Amino acid sequence: EGGGGAVGGGVAVTDRRGGARPRAWTLGTIAGPNSLKATANGLEVTFTADGIAGPAAAVMSYDGEEQTAQVDTKVAIPPAVRVVDQFGNGVGGHPVQWDVVSGGGLVLGSGSTDSRSNGVAQVLGWQLGPTAGQNVLEADAQGFPLIQFRATAIP
């Protein structure tokens, strides 16, 4: 009924103890609540299950790209990536390592974060370097291509 899944086997017939079950209940592809309604002789029972995200399948830039800030100050939006399963559900607990690769700036807080339950991993802050020009911060979500964030430091 809810969650977008599927039930296999059509109409279930009761066994000698009066129990019946579907041959299969496949939950939907979107993480969250799923429900299945069974009806017999005017009676109705609803079963529920909570679908969870599958394993990490992709990592993408989520926020904080292409910013500008003064030298030696932090950018307005801390860079973030999002880790998702094959259906686009956020995957929590995936480690992301943050490293400044050019410009001489620094990562504020820990250089390593884990994605939250919505799949988002965000650096606490990114302070640009002391020289005007391009700065690059790299996000390394283990097992996936590196993601680079660029910011321009202005005098």
N, C-alpha and C. Protein backbone atom coordinates (compact mmCIF):
# COMPACT_ATOMS: atom_id res chain seq x y z
N GLU A 1 0.82 -1.19 0.00
CA GLU A 1 0.00 0.00 0.00
C GLU A 1 0.87 1.26 0.00
N GLY A 2 1.78 1.43 0.94
CA GLY A 2 2.63 2.62 0.98
C GLY A 2 4.08 2.24 0.82
N GLY A 3 4.87 3.09 0.15
CA GLY A 3 6.29 2.86 0.00
C GLY A 3 6.71 2.44 -1.39
N GLY A 4 5.74 2.08 -2.23
CA GLY A 4 6.06 1.78 -3.61
C GLY A 4 6.61 0.40 -3.88
N GLY A 5 6.50 -0.52 -2.97
CA GLY A 5 7.01 -1.88 -3.17
C GLY A 5 6.06 -2.74 -3.97
N ALA A 6 6.27 -4.04 -3.86
CA ALA A 6 5.44 -4.99 -4.60
C ALA A 6 5.20 -6.24 -3.75
N VAL A 7 4.03 -6.86 -3.98
CA VAL A 7 3.69 -8.12 -3.32
C VAL A 7 3.59 -9.18 -4.40
N GLY A 8 4.25 -10.31 -4.16
CA GLY A 8 4.22 -11.39 -5.13
C GLY A 8 3.30 -12.51 -4.69
N GLY A 9 2.72 -13.21 -5.64
CA GLY A 9 1.94 -14.39 -5.33
C GLY A 9 0.45 -14.21 -5.42
N GLY A 10 -0.03 -13.02 -5.70
CA GLY A 10 -1.48 -12.82 -5.83
C GLY A 10 -2.23 -13.05 -4.54
N VAL A 11 -3.40 -13.66 -4.63
CA VAL A 11 -4.25 -13.91 -3.47
C VAL A 11 -3.67 -15.07 -2.66
N ALA A 12 -3.52 -14.84 -1.35
CA ALA A 12 -3.00 -15.90 -0.48
C ALA A 12 -4.18 -16.69 0.09
N VAL A 13 -4.00 -17.99 0.18
CA VAL A 13 -5.02 -18.89 0.73
C VAL A 13 -4.58 -19.29 2.13
N THR A 14 -5.54 -19.34 3.07
CA THR A 14 -5.20 -19.70 4.45
C THR A 14 -4.79 -21.17 4.54
N ASP A 15 -3.88 -21.41 5.49
CA ASP A 15 -3.46 -22.80 5.74
C ASP A 15 -4.41 -23.43 6.75
N ARG A 16 -4.12 -24.63 7.22
CA ARG A 16 -5.03 -25.35 8.13
C ARG A 16 -5.18 -24.65 9.48
N ARG A 17 -4.22 -23.76 9.83
CA ARG A 17 -4.34 -23.01 11.09
C ARG A 17 -4.97 -21.64 10.89
N GLY A 18 -5.33 -21.34 9.66
CA GLY A 18 -5.98 -20.06 9.37
C GLY A 18 -5.03 -18.94 9.01
N GLY A 19 -3.75 -19.23 8.88
CA GLY A 19 -2.76 -18.21 8.53
C GLY A 19 -2.57 -18.11 7.03
N ALA A 20 -2.26 -16.93 6.58
CA ALA A 20 -1.97 -16.70 5.17
C ALA A 20 -0.83 -15.70 5.07
N ARG A 21 -0.04 -15.84 4.02
CA ARG A 21 1.07 -14.91 3.82
C ARG A 21 1.33 -14.75 2.33
N PRO A 22 1.85 -13.59 1.95
CA PRO A 22 2.21 -13.42 0.54
C PRO A 22 3.46 -14.24 0.24
N ARG A 23 3.63 -14.60 -1.01
CA ARG A 23 4.83 -15.34 -1.39
C ARG A 23 6.07 -14.45 -1.21
N ALA A 24 5.92 -13.15 -1.49
CA ALA A 24 7.04 -12.21 -1.33
C ALA A 24 6.50 -10.80 -1.12
N TRP A 25 7.21 -10.02 -0.32
CA TRP A 25 6.93 -8.59 -0.15
C TRP A 25 8.24 -7.87 -0.38
N THR A 26 8.32 -7.13 -1.48
CA THR A 26 9.51 -6.37 -1.81
C THR A 26 9.26 -4.92 -1.45
N LEU A 27 10.12 -4.36 -0.59
CA LEU A 27 9.95 -2.96 -0.20
C LEU A 27 10.30 -2.05 -1.36
N GLY A 28 9.80 -0.82 -1.31
CA GLY A 28 10.06 0.16 -2.35
C GLY A 28 11.52 0.61 -2.36
N THR A 29 11.89 1.39 -3.36
CA THR A 29 13.27 1.83 -3.52
C THR A 29 13.60 3.07 -2.69
N ILE A 30 12.60 3.73 -2.15
CA ILE A 30 12.82 4.92 -1.33
C ILE A 30 12.87 4.52 0.13
N ALA A 31 13.98 4.85 0.79
CA ALA A 31 14.13 4.52 2.22
C ALA A 31 13.02 5.20 3.01
N GLY A 32 12.48 4.50 3.98
CA GLY A 32 11.41 5.04 4.81
C GLY A 32 10.31 4.02 5.01
N PRO A 33 9.17 4.50 5.51
CA PRO A 33 8.08 3.57 5.85
C PRO A 33 7.44 2.92 4.62
N ASN A 34 7.15 1.65 4.78
CA ASN A 34 6.41 0.87 3.78
C ASN A 34 5.27 0.18 4.53
N SER A 35 4.16 -0.01 3.86
CA SER A 35 3.05 -0.71 4.50
C SER A 35 2.38 -1.66 3.51
N LEU A 36 1.80 -2.69 4.08
CA LEU A 36 1.12 -3.72 3.30
C LEU A 36 -0.21 -3.99 3.99
N LYS A 37 -1.29 -3.92 3.23
CA LYS A 37 -2.62 -4.14 3.80
C LYS A 37 -3.16 -5.49 3.36
N ALA A 38 -3.65 -6.26 4.32
CA ALA A 38 -4.29 -7.55 4.03
C ALA A 38 -5.76 -7.45 4.42
N THR A 39 -6.64 -7.93 3.56
CA THR A 39 -8.07 -7.92 3.87
C THR A 39 -8.66 -9.31 3.65
N ALA A 40 -9.60 -9.67 4.52
CA ALA A 40 -10.30 -10.95 4.39
C ALA A 40 -11.63 -10.83 5.11
N ASN A 41 -12.69 -11.17 4.41
CA ASN A 41 -14.04 -11.17 4.99
C ASN A 41 -14.34 -9.87 5.73
N GLY A 42 -13.98 -8.75 5.15
CA GLY A 42 -14.28 -7.45 5.74
C GLY A 42 -13.31 -7.01 6.84
N LEU A 43 -12.38 -7.85 7.20
CA LEU A 43 -11.36 -7.48 8.20
C LEU A 43 -10.12 -6.97 7.48
N GLU A 44 -9.42 -6.06 8.14
CA GLU A 44 -8.24 -5.47 7.52
C GLU A 44 -7.10 -5.41 8.53
N VAL A 45 -5.91 -5.79 8.08
CA VAL A 45 -4.71 -5.73 8.91
C VAL A 45 -3.63 -5.03 8.08
N THR A 46 -2.89 -4.11 8.71
CA THR A 46 -1.80 -3.42 8.02
C THR A 46 -0.48 -3.81 8.66
N PHE A 47 0.47 -4.20 7.82
CA PHE A 47 1.82 -4.53 8.26
C PHE A 47 2.74 -3.39 7.83
N THR A 48 3.73 -3.08 8.64
CA THR A 48 4.65 -2.00 8.30
C THR A 48 6.09 -2.49 8.39
N ALA A 49 6.93 -1.87 7.60
CA ALA A 49 8.37 -2.14 7.61
C ALA A 49 9.08 -0.85 7.25
N ASP A 50 10.26 -0.66 7.79
CA ASP A 50 11.03 0.55 7.52
C ASP A 50 12.17 0.20 6.57
N GLY A 51 12.09 0.70 5.35
CA GLY A 51 13.14 0.46 4.37
C GLY A 51 14.35 1.34 4.66
N ILE A 52 15.54 0.77 4.60
CA ILE A 52 16.76 1.53 4.85
C ILE A 52 17.59 1.62 3.57
N ALA A 53 18.47 2.60 3.53
CA ALA A 53 19.32 2.78 2.36
C ALA A 53 20.24 1.57 2.18
N GLY A 54 20.57 1.30 0.94
CA GLY A 54 21.52 0.24 0.63
C GLY A 54 22.94 0.75 0.76
N PRO A 55 23.91 -0.01 0.29
CA PRO A 55 25.31 0.40 0.38
C PRO A 55 25.58 1.62 -0.51
N ALA A 56 26.61 2.37 -0.15
CA ALA A 56 27.00 3.55 -0.92
C ALA A 56 27.30 3.15 -2.36
N ALA A 57 26.70 3.90 -3.31
CA ALA A 57 26.90 3.63 -4.73
C ALA A 57 27.48 4.83 -5.47
N ALA A 58 27.36 6.02 -4.88
CA ALA A 58 27.87 7.23 -5.53
C ALA A 58 28.06 8.33 -4.50
N VAL A 59 28.96 9.25 -4.83
CA VAL A 59 29.19 10.44 -4.00
C VAL A 59 29.20 11.63 -4.95
N MET A 60 28.51 12.69 -4.54
CA MET A 60 28.44 13.87 -5.39
C MET A 60 28.61 15.14 -4.57
N SER A 61 29.01 16.20 -5.25
CA SER A 61 29.09 17.50 -4.60
C SER A 61 27.68 17.90 -4.18
N TYR A 62 27.56 18.47 -2.99
CA TYR A 62 26.23 18.82 -2.48
C TYR A 62 26.07 20.32 -2.24
N ASP A 63 27.10 20.97 -1.72
CA ASP A 63 26.98 22.40 -1.41
C ASP A 63 28.37 23.01 -1.26
N GLY A 64 28.48 24.30 -1.51
CA GLY A 64 29.71 25.04 -1.25
C GLY A 64 30.69 25.12 -2.41
N GLU A 65 30.24 24.95 -3.64
CA GLU A 65 31.13 25.05 -4.79
C GLU A 65 31.32 26.50 -5.21
N GLU A 66 32.46 26.75 -5.84
CA GLU A 66 32.75 28.03 -6.52
C GLU A 66 32.40 29.25 -5.68
N GLN A 67 33.08 29.40 -4.55
CA GLN A 67 32.85 30.55 -3.68
C GLN A 67 33.99 31.56 -3.79
N THR A 68 33.74 32.74 -3.25
CA THR A 68 34.75 33.79 -3.18
C THR A 68 34.75 34.33 -1.76
N ALA A 69 35.95 34.53 -1.21
CA ALA A 69 36.09 35.12 0.12
C ALA A 69 37.44 35.82 0.18
N GLN A 70 37.60 36.69 1.15
CA GLN A 70 38.88 37.37 1.32
C GLN A 70 39.95 36.38 1.76
N VAL A 71 41.22 36.72 1.46
CA VAL A 71 42.32 35.86 1.88
C VAL A 71 42.27 35.69 3.40
N ASP A 72 42.70 34.54 3.87
CA ASP A 72 42.75 34.21 5.31
C ASP A 72 41.41 34.27 6.03
N THR A 73 40.31 34.14 5.28
CA THR A 73 38.99 34.05 5.92
C THR A 73 38.31 32.79 5.41
N LYS A 74 37.26 32.39 6.12
CA LYS A 74 36.57 31.17 5.69
C LYS A 74 35.46 31.50 4.71
N VAL A 75 35.16 30.52 3.88
CA VAL A 75 34.08 30.67 2.91
C VAL A 75 32.75 30.68 3.65
N ALA A 76 31.74 31.28 3.03
CA ALA A 76 30.43 31.42 3.68
C ALA A 76 29.71 30.09 3.85
N ILE A 77 29.86 29.20 2.89
CA ILE A 77 29.15 27.91 2.92
C ILE A 77 30.17 26.79 3.03
N PRO A 78 30.18 26.07 4.15
CA PRO A 78 31.12 24.95 4.26
C PRO A 78 30.82 23.90 3.19
N PRO A 79 31.84 23.48 2.44
CA PRO A 79 31.62 22.47 1.41
C PRO A 79 31.03 21.17 1.97
N ALA A 80 30.22 20.52 1.14
CA ALA A 80 29.56 19.28 1.55
C ALA A 80 29.41 18.35 0.36
N VAL A 81 29.46 17.06 0.64
CA VAL A 81 29.18 16.03 -0.36
C VAL A 81 27.99 15.21 0.13
N ARG A 82 27.39 14.45 -0.78
CA ARG A 82 26.29 13.57 -0.40
C ARG A 82 26.59 12.16 -0.91
N VAL A 83 26.50 11.21 0.00
CA VAL A 83 26.72 9.80 -0.31
C VAL A 83 25.34 9.15 -0.48
N VAL A 84 25.13 8.45 -1.61
CA VAL A 84 23.82 7.86 -1.88
C VAL A 84 23.94 6.40 -2.30
N ASP A 85 22.83 5.67 -2.13
CA ASP A 85 22.77 4.29 -2.62
C ASP A 85 22.33 4.30 -4.08
N GLN A 86 22.10 3.14 -4.65
CA GLN A 86 21.76 3.05 -6.08
C GLN A 86 20.46 3.74 -6.44
N PHE A 87 19.60 4.01 -5.45
CA PHE A 87 18.31 4.65 -5.72
C PHE A 87 18.29 6.12 -5.30
N GLY A 88 19.43 6.66 -4.86
CA GLY A 88 19.50 8.06 -4.46
C GLY A 88 19.17 8.32 -3.00
N ASN A 89 19.02 7.26 -2.20
CA ASN A 89 18.78 7.44 -0.76
C ASN A 89 20.10 7.80 -0.09
N GLY A 90 20.06 8.73 0.87
CA GLY A 90 21.25 9.11 1.61
C GLY A 90 21.78 7.95 2.44
N VAL A 91 23.10 7.77 2.42
CA VAL A 91 23.75 6.70 3.18
C VAL A 91 24.54 7.33 4.31
N GLY A 92 24.21 6.98 5.54
CA GLY A 92 24.91 7.50 6.70
C GLY A 92 26.12 6.67 7.06
N GLY A 93 27.06 7.31 7.77
CA GLY A 93 28.21 6.60 8.31
C GLY A 93 29.36 6.37 7.34
N HIS A 94 29.32 6.99 6.16
CA HIS A 94 30.41 6.80 5.20
C HIS A 94 31.49 7.85 5.48
N PRO A 95 32.76 7.44 5.67
CA PRO A 95 33.83 8.40 5.98
C PRO A 95 34.23 9.25 4.78
N VAL A 96 34.50 10.53 5.07
CA VAL A 96 34.98 11.46 4.05
C VAL A 96 36.18 12.20 4.64
N GLN A 97 37.28 12.18 3.92
CA GLN A 97 38.50 12.89 4.33
C GLN A 97 38.58 14.19 3.54
N TRP A 98 38.83 15.31 4.24
CA TRP A 98 38.91 16.63 3.62
C TRP A 98 40.36 17.11 3.66
N ASP A 99 40.90 17.51 2.49
CA ASP A 99 42.27 17.99 2.42
C ASP A 99 42.37 19.21 1.51
N VAL A 100 43.10 20.24 1.98
CA VAL A 100 43.40 21.39 1.15
C VAL A 100 44.53 20.96 0.22
N VAL A 101 44.33 21.10 -1.10
CA VAL A 101 45.34 20.67 -2.05
C VAL A 101 46.03 21.83 -2.77
N SER A 102 45.47 23.04 -2.67
CA SER A 102 46.18 24.21 -3.20
C SER A 102 45.62 25.47 -2.57
N GLY A 103 46.47 26.48 -2.51
CA GLY A 103 46.06 27.78 -1.98
C GLY A 103 46.52 28.05 -0.57
N GLY A 104 46.95 27.02 0.15
CA GLY A 104 47.51 27.22 1.48
C GLY A 104 46.50 27.44 2.59
N GLY A 105 45.25 27.19 2.34
CA GLY A 105 44.24 27.35 3.38
C GLY A 105 44.24 26.19 4.34
N LEU A 106 43.18 26.10 5.13
CA LEU A 106 43.08 24.99 6.07
C LEU A 106 41.63 24.60 6.34
N VAL A 107 41.49 23.33 6.71
CA VAL A 107 40.19 22.78 7.08
C VAL A 107 39.98 23.09 8.55
N LEU A 108 38.83 23.66 8.89
CA LEU A 108 38.50 23.96 10.28
C LEU A 108 37.82 22.76 10.90
N GLY A 109 38.16 22.45 12.12
CA GLY A 109 37.61 21.25 12.77
C GLY A 109 38.38 20.03 12.32
N SER A 110 37.74 18.92 12.32
CA SER A 110 38.38 17.67 11.93
C SER A 110 38.48 17.58 10.41
N GLY A 111 39.58 17.00 9.94
CA GLY A 111 39.74 16.78 8.51
C GLY A 111 39.01 15.54 8.02
N SER A 112 38.28 14.89 8.94
CA SER A 112 37.54 13.68 8.57
C SER A 112 36.13 13.77 9.17
N THR A 113 35.14 13.51 8.34
CA THR A 113 33.76 13.50 8.80
C THR A 113 33.07 12.26 8.26
N ASP A 114 31.99 11.87 8.90
CA ASP A 114 31.15 10.77 8.40
C ASP A 114 29.85 11.37 7.89
N SER A 115 29.30 10.77 6.84
CA SER A 115 28.01 11.24 6.34
C SER A 115 26.93 10.97 7.38
N ARG A 116 25.99 11.92 7.46
CA ARG A 116 24.85 11.77 8.37
C ARG A 116 23.81 10.86 7.72
N SER A 117 22.71 10.61 8.40
CA SER A 117 21.70 9.69 7.89
C SER A 117 21.11 10.14 6.55
N ASN A 118 21.15 11.45 6.26
CA ASN A 118 20.66 11.93 4.95
C ASN A 118 21.73 11.83 3.87
N GLY A 119 22.91 11.30 4.22
CA GLY A 119 23.99 11.10 3.27
C GLY A 119 24.96 12.26 3.17
N VAL A 120 24.66 13.38 3.83
CA VAL A 120 25.50 14.58 3.70
C VAL A 120 26.66 14.54 4.70
N ALA A 121 27.86 14.78 4.17
CA ALA A 121 29.06 14.96 4.98
C ALA A 121 29.56 16.36 4.68
N GLN A 122 29.77 17.13 5.74
CA GLN A 122 30.15 18.53 5.56
C GLN A 122 31.33 18.86 6.44
N VAL A 123 32.27 19.62 5.87
CA VAL A 123 33.41 20.09 6.64
C VAL A 123 32.91 21.20 7.57
N LEU A 124 33.49 21.33 8.75
CA LEU A 124 33.07 22.38 9.69
C LEU A 124 33.30 23.76 9.09
N GLY A 125 34.40 23.93 8.41
CA GLY A 125 34.70 25.21 7.75
C GLY A 125 35.93 25.07 6.89
N TRP A 126 36.08 26.00 5.95
CA TRP A 126 37.25 26.03 5.08
C TRP A 126 37.76 27.44 5.03
N GLN A 127 38.96 27.63 5.57
CA GLN A 127 39.61 28.94 5.56
C GLN A 127 40.55 29.00 4.36
N LEU A 128 40.40 30.04 3.56
CA LEU A 128 41.24 30.19 2.38
C LEU A 128 42.64 30.63 2.79
N GLY A 129 43.59 30.47 1.88
CA GLY A 129 44.99 30.78 2.14
C GLY A 129 45.30 32.27 2.16
N PRO A 130 46.57 32.59 2.41
CA PRO A 130 47.00 33.98 2.58
C PRO A 130 47.26 34.75 1.28
N THR A 131 47.18 34.07 0.14
CA THR A 131 47.48 34.70 -1.14
C THR A 131 46.25 34.71 -2.02
N ALA A 132 46.05 35.84 -2.72
CA ALA A 132 44.92 35.93 -3.64
C ALA A 132 45.06 34.88 -4.74
N GLY A 133 43.93 34.30 -5.15
CA GLY A 133 43.93 33.31 -6.22
C GLY A 133 43.07 32.12 -5.87
N GLN A 134 43.22 31.08 -6.67
CA GLN A 134 42.39 29.90 -6.51
C GLN A 134 42.86 29.01 -5.36
N ASN A 135 41.89 28.50 -4.61
CA ASN A 135 42.11 27.52 -3.54
C ASN A 135 41.30 26.29 -3.89
N VAL A 136 41.84 25.12 -3.54
CA VAL A 136 41.14 23.88 -3.84
C VAL A 136 41.10 23.01 -2.59
N LEU A 137 39.91 22.52 -2.28
CA LEU A 137 39.68 21.58 -1.18
C LEU A 137 39.19 20.28 -1.80
N GLU A 138 39.73 19.17 -1.33
CA GLU A 138 39.37 17.87 -1.89
C GLU A 138 38.62 17.04 -0.87
N ALA A 139 37.56 16.38 -1.32
CA ALA A 139 36.80 15.44 -0.49
C ALA A 139 37.07 14.04 -1.01
N ASP A 140 37.55 13.18 -0.12
CA ASP A 140 37.86 11.79 -0.48
C ASP A 140 36.90 10.88 0.28
N ALA A 141 35.84 10.45 -0.39
CA ALA A 141 34.88 9.51 0.19
C ALA A 141 35.34 8.13 -0.22
N GLN A 142 36.04 7.47 0.65
CA GLN A 142 36.72 6.21 0.38
C GLN A 142 35.97 5.31 -0.61
N GLY A 143 36.69 4.94 -1.67
CA GLY A 143 36.13 4.03 -2.67
C GLY A 143 35.47 4.74 -3.83
N PHE A 144 35.49 6.08 -3.84
CA PHE A 144 34.84 6.85 -4.91
C PHE A 144 35.80 7.90 -5.44
N PRO A 145 35.56 8.43 -6.65
CA PRO A 145 36.43 9.47 -7.19
C PRO A 145 36.48 10.70 -6.27
N LEU A 146 37.62 11.35 -6.25
CA LEU A 146 37.79 12.57 -5.44
C LEU A 146 36.88 13.67 -5.97
N ILE A 147 36.39 14.51 -5.07
CA ILE A 147 35.57 15.66 -5.45
C ILE A 147 36.31 16.91 -5.01
N GLN A 148 36.47 17.85 -5.95
CA GLN A 148 37.18 19.08 -5.63
C GLN A 148 36.23 20.27 -5.54
N PHE A 149 36.49 21.10 -4.53
CA PHE A 149 35.77 22.35 -4.34
C PHE A 149 36.76 23.48 -4.60
N ARG A 150 36.36 24.46 -5.37
CA ARG A 150 37.23 25.58 -5.71
C ARG A 150 36.65 26.86 -5.13
N ALA A 151 37.55 27.70 -4.65
CA ALA A 151 37.16 29.01 -4.14
C ALA A 151 38.24 30.00 -4.53
N THR A 152 37.82 31.22 -4.75
CA THR A 152 38.76 32.28 -5.09
C THR A 152 38.99 33.17 -3.89
N ALA A 153 40.27 33.33 -3.53
CA ALA A 153 40.64 34.23 -2.43
C ALA A 153 40.92 35.61 -3.05
N ILE A 154 40.29 36.64 -2.48
CA ILE A 154 40.51 38.00 -2.98
C ILE A 154 41.18 38.83 -1.88
N PRO A 155 41.95 39.85 -2.29
CA PRO A 155 42.66 40.68 -1.28
C PRO A 155 41.69 41.41 -0.36
